[in-house]
Amino acid sequence: MLTFMKILHFFGLMLGAAGGMGGMLVAIQAKRSEGAPPPGLLALRPRFTLITLSGVLLLWLTGLWLWLVRYEGALLSTAFLFKLVAAAFILAVALLGFMAVRRGQPGTPPPAYLQRLGPLAGLASYIAVALAVYVFA
């Protein structure tokens, strides 16, 4: 069961990364468009936000399960706490992005705060992975 949860955890990592990269590429291409971005391009935005949020939620669910089962919820280290902070930031940005896309009108750009938080969430993901390797390797 532990191996299966690890597989799901890595699957969540791949989903989150794929959704984040896809969303970033859509945003870059939308900015490059002269005039209004093509509707086909904008139709990808909700799909990528859902993929990102699904991956991040899967990471959280399997990660907490692994931590509770394998380490019995013990405080592992300060690095582990920083990893959780980075992961919480990523989850918050994924939720904000998902809600913004759901509330926004098709064709409207995402809020300015998301355009600033998106790259920071990408940086936080590198930090979270590096800290996970440090803590669990």
Protein backbone atom coordinates (compact mmCIF):
# COMPACT_ATOMS: atom_id res chain seq x y z
CA MET A 1 0.00 0.00 0.00
CA LEU A 2 2.87 2.35 0.79
CA THR A 3 4.32 1.79 -2.70
CA PHE A 4 0.96 2.49 -4.32
CA MET A 5 0.64 5.77 -2.38
CA LYS A 6 4.12 6.79 -3.51
CA ILE A 7 3.13 6.09 -7.11
CA LEU A 8 0.01 8.23 -6.69
CA HIS A 9 2.13 10.93 -5.05
CA PHE A 10 4.48 11.08 -8.03
CA PHE A 11 1.50 11.01 -10.37
CA GLY A 12 0.18 14.09 -8.53
CA LEU A 13 3.57 15.75 -8.99
CA MET A 14 3.42 15.10 -12.73
CA LEU A 15 -0.15 16.40 -12.99
CA GLY A 16 0.66 19.55 -11.06
CA ALA A 17 3.77 20.23 -13.11
CA ALA A 18 2.02 19.54 -16.42
CA GLY A 19 -0.90 21.79 -15.55
CA GLY A 20 1.37 24.57 -14.34
CA MET A 21 3.59 24.44 -17.41
CA GLY A 22 0.60 24.25 -19.73
CA GLY A 23 -1.04 27.23 -18.04
CA MET A 24 2.18 29.19 -18.28
CA LEU A 25 2.50 28.44 -22.00
CA VAL A 26 -1.12 29.47 -22.60
CA ALA A 27 -0.50 32.76 -20.76
CA ILE A 28 2.66 33.46 -22.77
CA GLN A 29 0.94 32.72 -26.08
CA ALA A 30 -2.12 34.82 -25.10
CA LYS A 31 0.15 37.80 -24.41
CA ARG A 32 1.88 37.36 -27.77
CA SER A 33 -1.42 37.39 -29.65
CA GLU A 34 -2.22 40.53 -31.54
CA GLY A 35 -5.72 41.54 -30.49
CA ALA A 36 -7.85 38.98 -28.71
CA PRO A 37 -6.25 35.56 -28.19
CA PRO A 38 -7.79 32.72 -30.21
CA PRO A 39 -10.78 31.08 -28.47
CA GLY A 40 -9.16 27.66 -28.83
CA LEU A 41 -6.18 28.86 -26.82
CA LEU A 42 -8.35 30.39 -24.13
CA ALA A 43 -10.39 27.18 -23.90
CA LEU A 44 -7.26 25.45 -22.58
CA ARG A 45 -6.96 27.70 -19.52
CA PRO A 46 -9.77 26.04 -17.46
CA ARG A 47 -8.47 22.60 -18.32
CA PHE A 48 -4.95 23.39 -17.21
CA THR A 49 -6.14 24.98 -13.95
CA LEU A 50 -8.18 21.85 -13.21
CA ILE A 51 -5.21 19.60 -14.00
CA THR A 52 -2.96 21.72 -11.75
CA LEU A 53 -5.43 21.74 -8.86
CA SER A 54 -6.06 17.99 -9.21
CA GLY A 55 -2.34 17.27 -9.09
CA VAL A 56 -1.71 19.52 -6.09
CA LEU A 57 -4.66 18.04 -4.18
CA LEU A 58 -3.44 14.52 -4.98
CA LEU A 59 0.01 15.50 -3.71
CA TRP A 60 -1.46 16.81 -0.47
CA LEU A 61 -3.72 13.80 0.12
CA THR A 62 -1.08 11.18 -0.60
CA GLY A 63 1.69 13.18 1.09
CA LEU A 64 -0.25 13.54 4.32
CA TRP A 65 -1.23 9.88 4.17
CA LEU A 66 2.40 8.82 3.65
CA TRP A 67 3.57 11.07 6.49
CA LEU A 68 0.94 9.75 8.90
CA VAL A 69 1.46 6.10 8.01
CA ARG A 70 5.23 6.04 7.54
CA TYR A 71 6.29 8.61 10.15
CA GLU A 72 3.24 8.55 12.42
CA GLY A 73 2.83 12.31 12.07
CA ALA A 74 6.15 13.04 13.76
CA LEU A 75 7.84 16.42 13.33
CA LEU A 76 10.63 15.40 11.00
CA SER A 77 12.74 18.55 10.76
CA THR A 78 12.70 22.26 10.09
CA ALA A 79 13.31 21.50 6.41
CA PHE A 80 10.12 19.42 6.41
CA LEU A 81 8.17 22.37 7.84
CA PHE A 82 9.56 24.67 5.14
CA LYS A 83 8.54 22.08 2.55
CA LEU A 84 5.00 22.15 3.94
CA VAL A 85 4.96 25.96 3.82
CA ALA A 86 6.06 25.90 0.17
CA ALA A 87 3.43 23.25 -0.61
CA ALA A 88 0.73 25.28 1.16
CA PHE A 89 1.66 28.31 -0.95
CA ILE A 90 1.41 26.21 -4.12
CA LEU A 91 -2.01 24.92 -3.02
CA ALA A 92 -3.23 28.46 -2.32
CA VAL A 93 -2.11 29.71 -5.75
CA ALA A 94 -3.68 26.66 -7.46
CA LEU A 95 -6.98 27.33 -5.65
CA LEU A 96 -6.89 31.04 -6.48
CA GLY A 97 -6.17 30.25 -10.13
CA PHE A 98 -8.98 27.70 -10.31
CA MET A 99 -11.49 30.10 -8.73
CA ALA A 100 -10.38 33.01 -10.94
CA VAL A 101 -10.85 30.98 -14.11
CA ARG A 102 -14.25 29.69 -12.94
CA ARG A 103 -15.46 33.20 -12.04
CA GLY A 104 -13.94 35.03 -14.99
CA GLN A 105 -15.57 35.59 -18.34
CA PRO A 106 -14.11 33.63 -21.25
CA GLY A 107 -11.43 35.64 -22.97
CA THR A 108 -10.57 37.85 -20.01
CA PRO A 109 -7.02 37.73 -18.70
CA PRO A 110 -6.41 36.35 -15.22
CA PRO A 111 -6.17 38.86 -12.37
CA ALA A 112 -2.87 40.71 -12.06
CA TYR A 113 -2.11 39.12 -8.69
CA LEU A 114 -2.17 35.67 -10.30
CA GLN A 115 0.24 36.81 -12.97
CA ARG A 116 2.66 37.66 -10.15
CA LEU A 117 1.92 34.64 -7.95
CA GLY A 118 2.19 32.06 -10.76
CA PRO A 119 5.95 32.33 -11.20
CA LEU A 120 6.39 32.36 -7.42
CA ALA A 121 4.40 29.13 -7.20
CA GLY A 122 6.75 27.65 -9.80
CA LEU A 123 9.72 28.65 -7.67
CA ALA A 124 7.99 27.25 -4.58
CA SER A 125 7.55 23.93 -6.39
CA TYR A 126 11.31 23.70 -7.01
CA ILE A 127 11.92 24.52 -3.35
CA ALA A 128 9.37 21.93 -2.17
CA VAL A 129 10.89 19.19 -4.34
CA ALA A 130 14.44 20.07 -3.26
CA LEU A 131 13.41 20.02 0.40
CA ALA A 132 11.58 16.71 -0.08
CA VAL A 133 14.71 15.17 -1.54
CA TYR A 134 16.74 16.57 1.36
CA VAL A 135 14.32 15.34 4.02
CA PHE A 136 13.43 11.92 2.62
CA ALA A 137 16.57 10.84 0.74
